[in-house]
Amino acid sequence: MKDAATLLLMLSAVGAFLAAIGSLLSANATRRAVEAQLVSAFLKEYGSEDIKVALRTLINWKETHGQGFQAKWIEDLRNGDAEAQKVDNARRLVKFHFWNALRLYEARYVRKRFLREVTHVSGIDVLFDIVEALDRKLGCNQEDDHKYQRLHELCSRYWRWGLRQPVPVHETAEGSRHGNAT
Protein backbone atom coordinates (compact mmCIF):
# COMPACT_ATOMS: atom_id res chain seq x y z
CA MET A 1 0.00 0.00 0.00
CA LYS A 2 2.84 2.34 0.91
CA ASP A 3 4.67 1.54 -2.35
CA ALA A 4 1.57 2.32 -4.42
CA ALA A 5 1.15 5.67 -2.66
CA THR A 6 4.83 6.51 -3.26
CA LEU A 7 4.52 5.51 -6.92
CA LEU A 8 1.39 7.63 -7.31
CA LEU A 9 3.15 10.60 -5.67
CA MET A 10 6.15 10.21 -8.00
CA LEU A 11 3.90 10.01 -11.05
CA SER A 12 2.08 13.14 -9.92
CA ALA A 13 5.41 14.95 -9.50
CA VAL A 14 6.55 13.89 -12.97
CA GLY A 15 3.20 15.03 -14.40
CA ALA A 16 3.51 18.41 -12.67
CA PHE A 17 7.09 18.76 -13.97
CA LEU A 18 6.01 18.00 -17.54
CA ALA A 19 3.10 20.45 -17.24
CA ALA A 20 5.54 23.14 -16.05
CA ILE A 21 7.83 22.49 -19.02
CA GLY A 22 4.84 22.71 -21.36
CA SER A 23 3.79 25.96 -19.75
CA LEU A 24 7.30 27.40 -20.13
CA LEU A 25 7.45 26.40 -23.79
CA SER A 26 4.05 27.96 -24.36
CA ALA A 27 5.11 31.20 -22.65
CA ASN A 28 8.26 31.37 -24.79
CA ALA A 29 6.23 30.80 -27.96
CA THR A 30 3.84 33.57 -26.93
CA ARG A 31 6.73 35.95 -26.23
CA ARG A 32 8.26 35.23 -29.65
CA ALA A 33 4.90 35.84 -31.33
CA VAL A 34 4.42 39.15 -29.51
CA GLU A 35 7.96 40.26 -30.37
CA ALA A 36 7.36 39.32 -34.01
CA GLN A 37 4.24 41.47 -34.03
CA LEU A 38 6.18 44.35 -32.46
CA VAL A 39 8.99 44.02 -35.02
CA SER A 40 6.39 44.07 -37.78
CA ALA A 41 4.72 47.17 -36.29
CA PHE A 42 8.05 49.00 -35.91
CA LEU A 43 9.14 48.15 -39.45
CA LYS A 44 5.74 49.21 -40.78
CA GLU A 45 6.13 52.54 -39.00
CA TYR A 46 9.68 52.84 -40.33
CA GLY A 47 8.34 52.28 -43.85
CA SER A 48 5.70 54.98 -43.45
CA GLU A 49 5.66 58.15 -45.52
CA ASP A 50 6.27 60.25 -42.38
CA ILE A 51 9.52 58.48 -41.51
CA LYS A 52 10.64 58.47 -45.16
CA VAL A 53 10.12 62.23 -45.46
CA ALA A 54 11.74 62.82 -42.06
CA LEU A 55 14.87 60.87 -43.01
CA ARG A 56 15.13 62.66 -46.32
CA THR A 57 14.58 66.06 -44.68
CA LEU A 58 17.46 65.41 -42.29
CA ILE A 59 19.78 64.13 -45.03
CA ASN A 60 18.95 67.06 -47.30
CA TRP A 61 19.64 69.54 -44.48
CA LYS A 62 23.05 68.04 -43.79
CA GLU A 63 23.95 67.83 -47.48
CA THR A 64 22.82 71.41 -48.11
CA HIS A 65 24.64 72.94 -45.12
CA GLY A 66 27.73 70.72 -44.97
CA GLN A 67 30.07 70.66 -41.98
CA GLY A 68 28.28 73.39 -40.03
CA PHE A 69 24.80 71.93 -40.46
CA GLN A 70 24.19 71.78 -36.69
CA ALA A 71 25.09 75.44 -36.03
CA LYS A 72 23.07 76.63 -39.04
CA TRP A 73 20.06 74.62 -37.81
CA ILE A 74 20.23 76.12 -34.29
CA GLU A 75 20.59 79.63 -35.71
CA ASP A 76 17.68 79.20 -38.14
CA LEU A 77 15.52 77.49 -35.52
CA ARG A 78 16.01 80.40 -33.10
CA ASN A 79 15.10 82.81 -35.91
CA GLY A 80 11.83 80.94 -36.55
CA ASP A 81 12.81 79.57 -39.97
CA ALA A 82 10.16 77.21 -41.36
CA GLU A 83 12.70 74.80 -42.90
CA ALA A 84 14.60 74.56 -39.60
CA GLN A 85 11.29 73.76 -37.89
CA LYS A 86 10.70 70.94 -40.41
CA VAL A 87 14.16 69.61 -39.58
CA ASP A 88 13.31 69.79 -35.87
CA ASN A 89 10.09 67.84 -36.41
CA ALA A 90 11.99 65.27 -38.48
CA ARG A 91 14.67 65.02 -35.79
CA ARG A 92 12.10 64.29 -33.11
CA LEU A 93 10.22 61.74 -35.22
CA VAL A 94 13.34 59.75 -36.10
CA LYS A 95 14.77 59.98 -32.59
CA PHE A 96 11.65 58.77 -30.84
CA HIS A 97 11.12 55.95 -33.32
CA PHE A 98 14.42 54.40 -32.25
CA TRP A 99 14.16 55.48 -28.61
CA ASN A 100 10.79 53.75 -28.25
CA ALA A 101 12.45 50.48 -29.28
CA LEU A 102 15.23 51.12 -26.76
CA ARG A 103 12.67 51.80 -24.01
CA LEU A 104 10.98 48.46 -24.66
CA TYR A 105 14.35 46.73 -24.45
CA GLU A 106 15.50 48.54 -21.30
CA ALA A 107 12.19 47.77 -19.58
CA ARG A 108 12.82 44.11 -20.48
CA TYR A 109 9.61 43.78 -22.45
CA VAL A 110 11.64 42.56 -25.43
CA ARG A 111 14.99 40.91 -26.05
CA LYS A 112 18.11 42.30 -27.71
CA ARG A 113 17.20 40.47 -30.91
CA PHE A 114 14.10 42.70 -31.24
CA LEU A 115 16.20 45.85 -30.83
CA ARG A 116 18.69 44.68 -33.42
CA GLU A 117 15.94 43.82 -35.89
CA VAL A 118 14.24 47.22 -35.68
CA THR A 119 17.55 49.11 -35.83
CA HIS A 120 18.93 47.15 -38.79
CA VAL A 121 17.78 49.88 -41.16
CA SER A 122 19.61 52.74 -42.84
CA GLY A 123 17.77 55.23 -40.63
CA ILE A 124 19.97 54.24 -37.68
CA ASP A 125 22.87 55.90 -39.52
CA VAL A 126 20.77 59.06 -39.85
CA LEU A 127 20.07 58.89 -36.12
CA PHE A 128 23.76 58.54 -35.23
CA ASP A 129 25.20 60.89 -37.87
CA ILE A 130 22.62 63.67 -38.04
CA VAL A 131 20.02 63.52 -35.25
CA GLU A 132 22.58 62.91 -32.53
CA ALA A 133 24.73 65.79 -33.82
CA LEU A 134 21.71 68.12 -33.82
CA ASP A 135 20.73 67.03 -30.32
CA ARG A 136 24.24 67.57 -29.02
CA LYS A 137 24.28 71.07 -30.53
CA LEU A 138 20.91 71.68 -28.93
CA GLY A 139 22.31 70.48 -25.61
CA CYS A 140 21.62 66.87 -24.69
CA ASN A 141 20.57 66.21 -21.14
CA GLN A 142 21.92 63.25 -19.20
CA GLU A 143 19.01 60.99 -20.15
CA ASP A 144 19.45 61.76 -23.87
CA ASP A 145 23.16 61.10 -23.61
CA HIS A 146 22.46 57.75 -21.91
CA LYS A 147 20.06 56.69 -24.68
CA TYR A 148 22.55 57.51 -27.43
CA GLN A 149 25.31 55.65 -25.58
CA ARG A 150 23.09 52.59 -25.11
CA LEU A 151 22.04 52.54 -28.76
CA HIS A 152 25.67 52.84 -29.86
CA GLU A 153 26.62 49.96 -27.54
CA LEU A 154 23.76 47.72 -28.58
CA CYS A 155 23.38 48.51 -32.27
CA SER A 156 26.03 50.56 -34.00
CA ARG A 157 29.06 48.28 -33.94
CA TYR A 158 26.88 45.31 -34.82
CA TRP A 159 24.93 46.87 -37.69
CA ARG A 160 26.84 49.83 -39.12
CA TRP A 161 28.10 48.40 -42.38
CA GLY A 162 27.72 51.57 -44.42
CA LEU A 163 24.06 50.93 -45.10
CA ARG A 164 22.64 52.82 -48.06
CA GLN A 165 21.29 56.22 -47.13
CA PRO A 166 17.73 57.12 -48.12
CA VAL A 167 17.41 58.96 -51.43
CA PRO A 168 16.97 62.74 -51.05
CA VAL A 169 13.54 64.19 -51.77
CA HIS A 170 13.15 66.53 -54.72
CA GLU A 171 10.09 68.76 -54.87
CA THR A 172 8.33 69.26 -58.19
CA ALA A 173 6.69 72.45 -59.37
CA GLU A 174 3.39 71.14 -58.00
CA GLY A 175 4.94 70.82 -54.54
CA SER A 176 4.74 67.04 -54.41
CA ARG A 177 7.76 65.09 -53.23
CA HIS A 178 9.51 62.48 -55.34
CA GLY A 179 12.38 60.15 -54.65
CA ASN A 180 13.27 56.55 -55.15
CA ALA A 181 12.01 54.07 -52.57
CA THR A 182 14.37 53.40 -49.69
C-alpha atoms as a PDB file:
ATOM      1  CA  MET A   1       0.000   0.000   0.000  1.00  0.00           C
ATOM      2  CA  LYS A   2       2.840   2.338   0.914  1.00  0.00           C
ATOM      3  CA  ASP A   3       4.674   1.539  -2.349  1.00  0.00           C
ATOM      4  CA  ALA A   4       1.568   2.318  -4.419  1.00  0.00           C
ATOM      5  CA  ALA A   5       1.153   5.671  -2.658  1.00  0.00           C
ATOM      6  CA  THR A   6       4.835   6.509  -3.263  1.00  0.00           C
ATOM      7  CA  LEU A   7       4.523   5.513  -6.916  1.00  0.00           C
ATOM      8  CA  LEU A   8       1.389   7.631  -7.306  1.00  0.00           C
ATOM      9  CA  LEU A   9       3.150  10.597  -5.668  1.00  0.00           C
ATOM     10  CA  MET A  10       6.152  10.209  -8.002  1.00  0.00           C
ATOM     11  CA  LEU A  11       3.905  10.008 -11.050  1.00  0.00           C
ATOM     12  CA  SER A  12       2.083  13.145  -9.917  1.00  0.00           C
ATOM     13  CA  ALA A  13       5.408  14.948  -9.498  1.00  0.00           C
ATOM     14  CA  VAL A  14       6.551  13.892 -12.975  1.00  0.00           C
ATOM     15  CA  GLY A  15       3.197  15.030 -14.404  1.00  0.00           C
ATOM     16  CA  ALA A  16       3.512  18.410 -12.674  1.00  0.00           C
ATOM     17  CA  PHE A  17       7.088  18.761 -13.965  1.00  0.00           C
ATOM     18  CA  LEU A  18       6.006  17.997 -17.545  1.00  0.00           C
ATOM     19  CA  ALA A  19       3.102  20.454 -17.237  1.00  0.00           C
ATOM     20  CA  ALA A  20       5.543  23.142 -16.047  1.00  0.00           C
ATOM     21  CA  ILE A  21       7.832  22.489 -19.020  1.00  0.00           C
ATOM     22  CA  GLY A  22       4.841  22.713 -21.363  1.00  0.00           C
ATOM     23  CA  SER A  23       3.793  25.964 -19.749  1.00  0.00           C
ATOM     24  CA  LEU A  24       7.305  27.395 -20.130  1.00  0.00           C
ATOM     25  CA  LEU A  25       7.454  26.399 -23.788  1.00  0.00           C
ATOM     26  CA  SER A  26       4.051  27.957 -24.360  1.00  0.00           C
ATOM     27  CA  ALA A  27       5.114  31.202 -22.655  1.00  0.00           C
ATOM     28  CA  ASN A  28       8.264  31.374 -24.794  1.00  0.00           C
ATOM     29  CA  ALA A  29       6.233  30.805 -27.961  1.00  0.00           C
ATOM     30  CA  THR A  30       3.841  33.567 -26.928  1.00  0.00           C
ATOM     31  CA  ARG A  31       6.726  35.947 -26.227  1.00  0.00           C
ATOM     32  CA  ARG A  32       8.258  35.228 -29.647  1.00  0.00           C
ATOM     33  CA  ALA A  33       4.905  35.837 -31.334  1.00  0.00           C
ATOM     34  CA  VAL A  34       4.416  39.146 -29.513  1.00  0.00           C
ATOM     35  CA  GLU A  35       7.960  40.255 -30.374  1.00  0.00           C
ATOM     36  CA  ALA A  36       7.364  39.319 -34.014  1.00  0.00           C
ATOM     37  CA  GLN A  37       4.241  41.475 -34.026  1.00  0.00           C
ATOM     38  CA  LEU A  38       6.182  44.354 -32.465  1.00  0.00           C
ATOM     39  CA  VAL A  39       8.987  44.025 -35.020  1.00  0.00           C
ATOM     40  CA  SER A  40       6.387  44.074 -37.778  1.00  0.00           C
ATOM     41  CA  ALA A  41       4.720  47.170 -36.293  1.00  0.00           C
ATOM     42  CA  PHE A  42       8.051  49.001 -35.906  1.00  0.00           C
ATOM     43  CA  LEU A  43       9.138  48.147 -39.450  1.00  0.00           C
ATOM     44  CA  LYS A  44       5.736  49.209 -40.783  1.00  0.00           C
ATOM     45  CA  GLU A  45       6.133  52.537 -38.996  1.00  0.00           C
ATOM     46  CA  TYR A  46       9.682  52.839 -40.334  1.00  0.00           C
ATOM     47  CA  GLY A  47       8.340  52.283 -43.847  1.00  0.00           C
ATOM     48  CA  SER A  48       5.703  54.978 -43.453  1.00  0.00           C
ATOM     49  CA  GLU A  49       5.661  58.145 -45.519  1.00  0.00           C
ATOM     50  CA  ASP A  50       6.274  60.248 -42.383  1.00  0.00           C
ATOM     51  CA  ILE A  51       9.522  58.476 -41.512  1.00  0.00           C
ATOM     52  CA  LYS A  52      10.642  58.470 -45.160  1.00  0.00           C
ATOM     53  CA  VAL A  53      10.117  62.232 -45.457  1.00  0.00           C
ATOM     54  CA  ALA A  54      11.745  62.820 -42.056  1.00  0.00           C
ATOM     55  CA  LEU A  55      14.873  60.867 -43.009  1.00  0.00           C
ATOM     56  CA  ARG A  56      15.130  62.660 -46.318  1.00  0.00           C
ATOM     57  CA  THR A  57      14.580  66.058 -44.680  1.00  0.00           C
ATOM     58  CA  LEU A  58      17.465  65.411 -42.293  1.00  0.00           C
ATOM     59  CA  ILE A  59      19.781  64.129 -45.029  1.00  0.00           C
ATOM     60  CA  ASN A  60      18.952  67.059 -47.299  1.00  0.00           C
ATOM     61  CA  TRP A  61      19.644  69.538 -44.482  1.00  0.00           C
ATOM     62  CA  LYS A  62      23.052  68.041 -43.790  1.00  0.00           C
ATOM     63  CA  GLU A  63      23.952  67.834 -47.484  1.00  0.00           C
ATOM     64  CA  THR A  64      22.819  71.410 -48.108  1.00  0.00           C
ATOM     65  CA  HIS A  65      24.636  72.940 -45.122  1.00  0.00           C
ATOM     66  CA  GLY A  66      27.734  70.717 -44.970  1.00  0.00           C
ATOM     67  CA  GLN A  67      30.070  70.656 -41.976  1.00  0.00           C
ATOM     68  CA  GLY A  68      28.278  73.389 -40.028  1.00  0.00           C
ATOM     69  CA  PHE A  69      24.798  71.933 -40.461  1.00  0.00           C
ATOM     70  CA  GLN A  70      24.185  71.784 -36.693  1.00  0.00           C
ATOM     71  CA  ALA A  71      25.093  75.443 -36.032  1.00  0.00           C
ATOM     72  CA  LYS A  72      23.067  76.628 -39.043  1.00  0.00           C
ATOM     73  CA  TRP A  73      20.061  74.624 -37.807  1.00  0.00           C
ATOM     74  CA  ILE A  74      20.230  76.125 -34.295  1.00  0.00           C
ATOM     75  CA  GLU A  75      20.585  79.629 -35.713  1.00  0.00           C
ATOM     76  CA  ASP A  76      17.684  79.200 -38.139  1.00  0.00           C
ATOM     77  CA  LEU A  77      15.516  77.487 -35.516  1.00  0.00           C
ATOM     78  CA  ARG A  78      16.011  80.397 -33.099  1.00  0.00           C
ATOM     79  CA  ASN A  79      15.103  82.807 -35.912  1.00  0.00           C
ATOM     80  CA  GLY A  80      11.834  80.939 -36.552  1.00  0.00           C
ATOM     81  CA  ASP A  81      12.814  79.575 -39.970  1.00  0.00           C
ATOM     82  CA  ALA A  82      10.159  77.212 -41.358  1.00  0.00           C
ATOM     83  CA  GLU A  83      12.701  74.804 -42.899  1.00  0.00           C
ATOM     84  CA  ALA A  84      14.601  74.559 -39.603  1.00  0.00           C
ATOM     85  CA  GLN A  85      11.293  73.758 -37.887  1.00  0.00           C
ATOM     86  CA  LYS A  86      10.704  70.937 -40.408  1.00  0.00           C
ATOM     87  CA  VAL A  87      14.165  69.607 -39.575  1.00  0.00           C
ATOM     88  CA  ASP A  88      13.311  69.789 -35.867  1.00  0.00           C
ATOM     89  CA  ASN A  89      10.089  67.845 -36.411  1.00  0.00           C
ATOM     90  CA  ALA A  90      11.985  65.267 -38.476  1.00  0.00           C
ATOM     91  CA  ARG A  91      14.672  65.025 -35.788  1.00  0.00           C
ATOM     92  CA  ARG A  92      12.101  64.292 -33.108  1.00  0.00           C
ATOM     93  CA  LEU A  93      10.217  61.735 -35.224  1.00  0.00           C
ATOM     94  CA  VAL A  94      13.341  59.747 -36.097  1.00  0.00           C
ATOM     95  CA  LYS A  95      14.774  59.983 -32.591  1.00  0.00           C
ATOM     96  CA  PHE A  96      11.654  58.772 -30.843  1.00  0.00           C
ATOM     97  CA  HIS A  97      11.124  55.948 -33.325  1.00  0.00           C
ATOM     98  CA  PHE A  98      14.419  54.396 -32.246  1.00  0.00           C
ATOM     99  CA  TRP A  99      14.159  55.475 -28.613  1.00  0.00           C
ATOM    100  CA  ASN A 100      10.788  53.748 -28.254  1.00  0.00           C
ATOM    101  CA  ALA A 101      12.455  50.484 -29.276  1.00  0.00           C
ATOM    102  CA  LEU A 102      15.231  51.115 -26.758  1.00  0.00           C
ATOM    103  CA  ARG A 103      12.666  51.797 -24.013  1.00  0.00           C
ATOM    104  CA  LEU A 104      10.981  48.462 -24.657  1.00  0.00           C
ATOM    105  CA  TYR A 105      14.354  46.729 -24.447  1.00  0.00           C
ATOM    106  CA  GLU A 106      15.501  48.537 -21.297  1.00  0.00           C
ATOM    107  CA  ALA A 107      12.188  47.771 -19.578  1.00  0.00           C
ATOM    108  CA  ARG A 108      12.823  44.107 -20.475  1.00  0.00           C
ATOM    109  CA  TYR A 109       9.613  43.778 -22.446  1.00  0.00           C
ATOM    110  CA  VAL A 110      11.644  42.564 -25.434  1.00  0.00           C
ATOM    111  CA  ARG A 111      14.993  40.906 -26.055  1.00  0.00           C
ATOM    112  CA  LYS A 112      18.107  42.303 -27.715  1.00  0.00           C
ATOM    113  CA  ARG A 113      17.195  40.472 -30.905  1.00  0.00           C
ATOM    114  CA  PHE A 114      14.104  42.701 -31.235  1.00  0.00           C
ATOM    115  CA  LEU A 115      16.196  45.848 -30.829  1.00  0.00           C
ATOM    116  CA  ARG A 116      18.695  44.677 -33.423  1.00  0.00           C
ATOM    117  CA  GLU A 117      15.940  43.815 -35.891  1.00  0.00           C
ATOM    118  CA  VAL A 118      14.243  47.219 -35.676  1.00  0.00           C
ATOM    119  CA  THR A 119      17.552  49.111 -35.827  1.00  0.00           C
ATOM    120  CA  HIS A 120      18.934  47.146 -38.788  1.00  0.00           C
ATOM    121  CA  VAL A 121      17.781  49.881 -41.163  1.00  0.00           C
ATOM    122  CA  SER A 122      19.611  52.741 -42.839  1.00  0.00           C
ATOM    123  CA  GLY A 123      17.769  55.233 -40.625  1.00  0.00           C
ATOM    124  CA  ILE A 124      19.975  54.243 -37.678  1.00  0.00           C
ATOM    125  CA  ASP A 125      22.867  55.901 -39.521  1.00  0.00           C
ATOM    126  CA  VAL A 126      20.773  59.063 -39.847  1.00  0.00           C
ATOM    127  CA  LEU A 127      20.072  58.888 -36.116  1.00  0.00           C
ATOM    128  CA  PHE A 128      23.758  58.543 -35.229  1.00  0.00           C
ATOM    129  CA  ASP A 129      25.202  60.885 -37.866  1.00  0.00           C
ATOM    130  CA  ILE A 130      22.619  63.675 -38.036  1.00  0.00           C
ATOM    131  CA  VAL A 131      20.016  63.516 -35.249  1.00  0.00           C
ATOM    132  CA  GLU A 132      22.581  62.908 -32.525  1.00  0.00           C
ATOM    133  CA  ALA A 133      24.734  65.788 -33.820  1.00  0.00           C
ATOM    134  CA  LEU A 134      21.712  68.121 -33.825  1.00  0.00           C
ATOM    135  CA  ASP A 135      20.725  67.029 -30.323  1.00  0.00           C
ATOM    136  CA  ARG A 136      24.245  67.574 -29.023  1.00  0.00           C
ATOM    137  CA  LYS A 137      24.282  71.069 -30.529  1.00  0.00           C
ATOM    138  CA  LEU A 138      20.908  71.684 -28.930  1.00  0.00           C
ATOM    139  CA  GLY A 139      22.310  70.481 -25.611  1.00  0.00           C
ATOM    140  CA  CYS A 140      21.620  66.866 -24.688  1.00  0.00           C
ATOM    141  CA  ASN A 141      20.570  66.212 -21.142  1.00  0.00           C
ATOM    142  CA  GLN A 142      21.924  63.251 -19.200  1.00  0.00           C
ATOM    143  CA  GLU A 143      19.007  60.995 -20.153  1.00  0.00           C
ATOM    144  CA  ASP A 144      19.445  61.762 -23.865  1.00  0.00           C
ATOM    145  CA  ASP A 145      23.158  61.095 -23.612  1.00  0.00           C
ATOM    146  CA  HIS A 146      22.455  57.748 -21.909  1.00  0.00           C
ATOM    147  CA  LYS A 147      20.061  56.687 -24.683  1.00  0.00           C
ATOM    148  CA  TYR A 148      22.549  57.510 -27.429  1.00  0.00           C
ATOM    149  CA  GLN A 149      25.310  55.650 -25.583  1.00  0.00           C
ATOM    150  CA  ARG A 150      23.093  52.589 -25.111  1.00  0.00           C
ATOM    151  CA  LEU A 151      22.038  52.541 -28.761  1.00  0.00           C
ATOM    152  CA  HIS A 152      25.672  52.837 -29.861  1.00  0.00           C
ATOM    153  CA  GLU A 153      26.621  49.963 -27.542  1.00  0.00           C
ATOM    154  CA  LEU A 154      23.756  47.720 -28.579  1.00  0.00           C
ATOM    155  CA  CYS A 155      23.382  48.514 -32.268  1.00  0.00           C
ATOM    156  CA  SER A 156      26.026  50.555 -34.004  1.00  0.00           C
ATOM    157  CA  ARG A 157      29.064  48.284 -33.942  1.00  0.00           C
ATOM    158  CA  TYR A 158      26.879  45.308 -34.823  1.00  0.00           C
ATOM    159  CA  TRP A 159      24.934  46.871 -37.687  1.00  0.00           C
ATOM    160  CA  ARG A 160      26.841  49.828 -39.125  1.00  0.00           C
ATOM    161  CA  TRP A 161      28.097  48.399 -42.383  1.00  0.00           C
ATOM    162  CA  GLY A 162      27.722  51.571 -44.422  1.00  0.00           C
ATOM    163  CA  LEU A 163      24.064  50.926 -45.104  1.00  0.00           C
ATOM    164  CA  ARG A 164      22.644  52.818 -48.062  1.00  0.00           C
ATOM    165  CA  GLN A 165      21.293  56.221 -47.129  1.00  0.00           C
ATOM    166  CA  PRO A 166      17.729  57.125 -48.124  1.00  0.00           C
ATOM    167  CA  VAL A 167      17.411  58.962 -51.433  1.00  0.00           C
ATOM    168  CA  PRO A 168      16.971  62.741 -51.051  1.00  0.00           C
ATOM    169  CA  VAL A 169      13.538  64.187 -51.774  1.00  0.00           C
ATOM    170  CA  HIS A 170      13.147  66.527 -54.721  1.00  0.00           C
ATOM    171  CA  GLU A 171      10.094  68.765 -54.872  1.00  0.00           C
ATOM    172  CA  THR A 172       8.326  69.262 -58.189  1.00  0.00           C
ATOM    173  CA  ALA A 173       6.693  72.453 -59.366  1.00  0.00           C
ATOM    174  CA  GLU A 174       3.385  71.142 -58.002  1.00  0.00           C
ATOM    175  CA  GLY A 175       4.937  70.817 -54.543  1.00  0.00           C
ATOM    176  CA  SER A 176       4.744  67.043 -54.409  1.00  0.00           C
ATOM    177  CA  ARG A 177       7.761  65.089 -53.227  1.00  0.00           C
ATOM    178  CA  HIS A 178       9.505  62.485 -55.342  1.00  0.00           C
ATOM    179  CA  GLY A 179      12.377  60.148 -54.651  1.00  0.00           C
ATOM    180  CA  ASN A 180      13.267  56.550 -55.153  1.00  0.00           C
ATOM    181  CA  ALA A 181      12.011  54.066 -52.570  1.00  0.00           C
ATOM    182  CA  THR A 182      14.370  53.402 -49.686  1.00  0.00           C
END
